[in-house]
Protein backbone atom coordinates (compact mmCIF):
# COMPACT_ATOMS: atom_id res chain seq x y z
CA MET A 1 -5.59 17.44 11.70
CA LYS A 2 -6.84 14.15 13.14
CA ARG A 3 -4.72 12.82 16.02
CA ILE A 4 -2.61 9.79 15.21
CA GLU A 5 -2.56 6.99 17.76
CA GLU A 6 0.87 6.31 19.25
CA ARG A 7 1.18 2.72 18.01
CA ASP A 8 0.22 3.76 14.46
CA GLY A 9 2.59 6.73 14.52
CA ILE A 10 5.54 4.78 15.89
CA SER A 11 4.95 1.96 13.42
CA ALA A 12 4.88 4.41 10.49
CA PHE A 13 7.90 6.31 11.85
CA ASP A 14 9.92 3.10 12.17
CA ALA A 15 8.91 1.95 8.67
CA ALA A 16 9.69 5.31 7.05
CA LEU A 17 13.01 5.55 8.88
CA ALA A 18 13.93 2.03 7.78
CA GLY A 19 13.12 3.00 4.19
CA LEU A 20 15.10 6.24 4.29
CA SER A 21 18.13 6.33 2.02
CA ALA A 22 18.89 10.03 2.37
CA GLY A 23 22.02 11.46 0.91
CA GLU A 24 22.51 8.74 -1.70
CA GLY A 25 23.07 9.73 -5.30
CA ASP A 26 23.75 13.16 -6.73
CA ALA A 27 22.42 15.86 -4.41
CA ASP A 28 22.35 18.37 -7.29
CA ALA A 29 20.34 16.15 -9.63
CA PRO A 30 16.71 17.16 -10.20
CA VAL A 31 14.23 15.08 -8.24
CA GLU A 32 10.89 13.95 -9.62
CA PRO A 33 8.07 13.26 -7.14
CA ALA A 34 6.98 9.61 -7.10
CA ASP A 35 4.54 7.32 -5.34
CA GLU A 36 7.40 5.94 -3.23
CA GLY A 37 8.00 9.40 -1.76
CA THR A 38 11.02 10.61 -3.71
CA LEU A 39 12.02 13.84 -2.02
CA GLU A 40 14.59 16.61 -2.19
CA ARG A 41 17.10 15.02 0.20
CA GLY A 42 16.60 11.35 -0.50
CA THR A 43 14.15 8.59 -1.09
CA ILE A 44 11.90 6.94 1.44
CA SER A 45 11.07 3.46 0.20
CA ALA A 46 7.71 3.22 1.88
CA PRO A 47 4.12 3.76 0.80
CA ARG A 48 3.07 7.38 0.59
CA ALA A 49 0.48 6.82 3.35
CA THR A 50 3.21 5.51 5.68
CA ILE A 51 5.40 8.56 5.02
CA ALA A 52 2.42 10.85 5.60
CA THR A 53 1.58 9.16 8.91
CA ALA A 54 5.21 9.27 10.07
CA VAL A 55 5.54 12.97 9.24
CA ARG A 56 2.19 13.90 10.78
CA PHE A 57 2.91 11.90 13.93
CA THR A 58 6.31 13.52 14.44
CA LEU A 59 4.80 16.97 13.86
CA GLN A 60 2.01 16.13 16.31
CA THR A 61 4.57 15.01 18.90
CA LEU A 62 6.62 18.19 18.41
CA ALA A 63 3.49 20.31 18.97
CA ASP A 64 2.54 18.24 22.04
CA ASP A 65 6.01 18.68 23.55
CA HIS A 66 6.28 22.39 22.64
CA PRO A 67 2.76 23.84 22.66
CA GLY A 68 2.15 27.30 21.32
CA HIS A 69 1.44 29.21 18.13
CA SER A 70 4.51 31.33 17.43
CA VAL A 71 6.24 29.04 14.89
CA GLU A 72 4.74 27.08 12.01
CA VAL A 73 6.62 23.94 10.97
CA ARG A 74 5.72 22.77 7.46
CA VAL A 75 6.58 19.48 5.75
CA PRO A 76 4.74 19.69 2.44
CA PRO A 77 2.68 18.00 1.23
CA TYR A 78 2.20 15.99 4.40
CA GLY A 79 1.46 18.42 7.18
CA ALA A 80 2.12 21.51 9.23
CA VAL A 81 1.76 22.46 12.89
CA GLN A 82 2.00 25.57 14.99
CA CYS A 83 4.10 25.19 18.10
CA ILE A 84 6.39 26.95 20.59
CA GLU A 85 5.19 29.52 23.10
CA GLY A 86 5.22 33.15 22.11
CA PRO A 87 3.08 35.63 20.24
CA ARG A 88 0.07 33.95 18.64
CA HIS A 89 -0.30 34.22 14.88
CA THR A 90 -3.88 34.38 13.59
CA ARG A 91 -3.99 35.76 10.02
CA GLY A 92 -1.97 35.58 6.83
CA THR A 93 1.51 34.14 6.52
CA PRO A 94 3.04 33.42 9.93
CA PRO A 95 6.12 35.52 10.79
CA ASN A 96 8.08 32.44 11.90
CA VAL A 97 8.07 29.54 9.45
CA ILE A 98 10.20 26.42 9.16
CA GLU A 99 9.85 24.30 6.03
CA THR A 100 11.60 21.16 4.82
CA ASP A 101 10.96 17.95 2.89
CA ALA A 102 9.84 14.69 4.52
CA ALA A 103 13.20 12.91 4.33
CA THR A 104 15.04 15.77 6.01
CA TRP A 105 12.28 16.14 8.61
CA LEU A 106 12.39 12.46 9.57
CA GLU A 107 16.17 12.60 9.85
CA LEU A 108 15.88 15.65 12.11
CA ALA A 109 13.11 14.07 14.20
CA SER A 110 15.14 10.89 14.67
CA GLY A 111 18.45 12.61 15.42
CA ARG A 112 20.22 11.31 12.32
CA LEU A 113 20.63 14.93 11.20
CA LEU A 114 21.43 17.89 13.44
CA TRP A 115 19.37 21.08 13.25
CA ALA A 116 22.43 23.31 12.74
CA GLU A 117 23.71 21.06 9.94
CA ALA A 118 20.35 21.03 8.14
CA LEU A 119 20.02 24.80 8.47
CA SER A 120 23.55 25.62 7.30
CA SER A 121 23.34 23.24 4.35
CA GLY A 122 20.06 24.71 3.14
CA LEU A 123 17.99 21.57 3.77
CA VAL A 124 15.68 23.61 6.00
CA ASP A 125 14.17 26.96 5.12
CA ALA A 126 13.63 28.98 8.30
CA SER A 127 12.40 32.56 8.36
CA GLY A 128 11.66 34.74 11.36
CA ALA A 129 13.40 35.49 14.64
CA ARG A 130 11.77 32.52 16.43
CA ALA A 131 12.08 30.06 13.53
CA HIS A 132 14.42 27.53 15.09
CA LEU A 133 14.18 24.12 16.71
CA ASP A 134 17.41 24.28 18.72
CA GLY A 135 17.18 21.88 21.65
CA MET A 136 13.90 20.38 20.41
CA LEU A 137 15.38 17.82 18.03
CA PRO A 138 15.61 14.92 18.01
CA ILE A 139 12.03 14.85 19.20
CA PRO A 140 12.22 13.61 22.78
CA GLY A 141 8.58 12.59 22.68
CA LEU A 142 9.33 9.86 20.16
CA HIS A 143 11.86 8.31 22.49
CA ARG A 144 9.49 8.68 25.44
CA VAL A 145 6.72 6.93 23.51
CA ARG A 146 9.08 4.21 22.29
CA ARG A 147 10.04 3.41 25.87
CA GLY A 148 6.36 2.78 26.58
CA GLN A 149 5.87 5.80 28.82
CA PRO A 150 2.65 7.78 28.39
CA ASN A 151 2.51 11.12 26.61
CA LYS A 152 2.21 14.28 28.67
């Protein structure tokens, strides 16, 4: 995955977060994918490219802050990263996988949604003994970058 520059990532993150209307409407109603990024949890009123950049940047930041290969975090169809120290996975389906939709991921990354709440409500699918992001969300790197401090 090509690295996203900080200014581009923060700009996309801010735009996607501003366009997030998660939790509105009937949560049990079927959701149709759309160009505006209609997702399982809510709608992000932003161009698909902006949502993709925001998701990929937050995943990139998570992997930068928690390097490793023991957990794969997936936000289909936008991106996935391996992170967190531990046994390295090299072939087949990883033993520790976290998967969610873009709206939920951006809420988690920003701190609008707590990890435990997302997990218990079924908004996040996590399998494997190491498949958790306790203490890693909201993504501290986003706040560090937003304050103008350099990345690690």
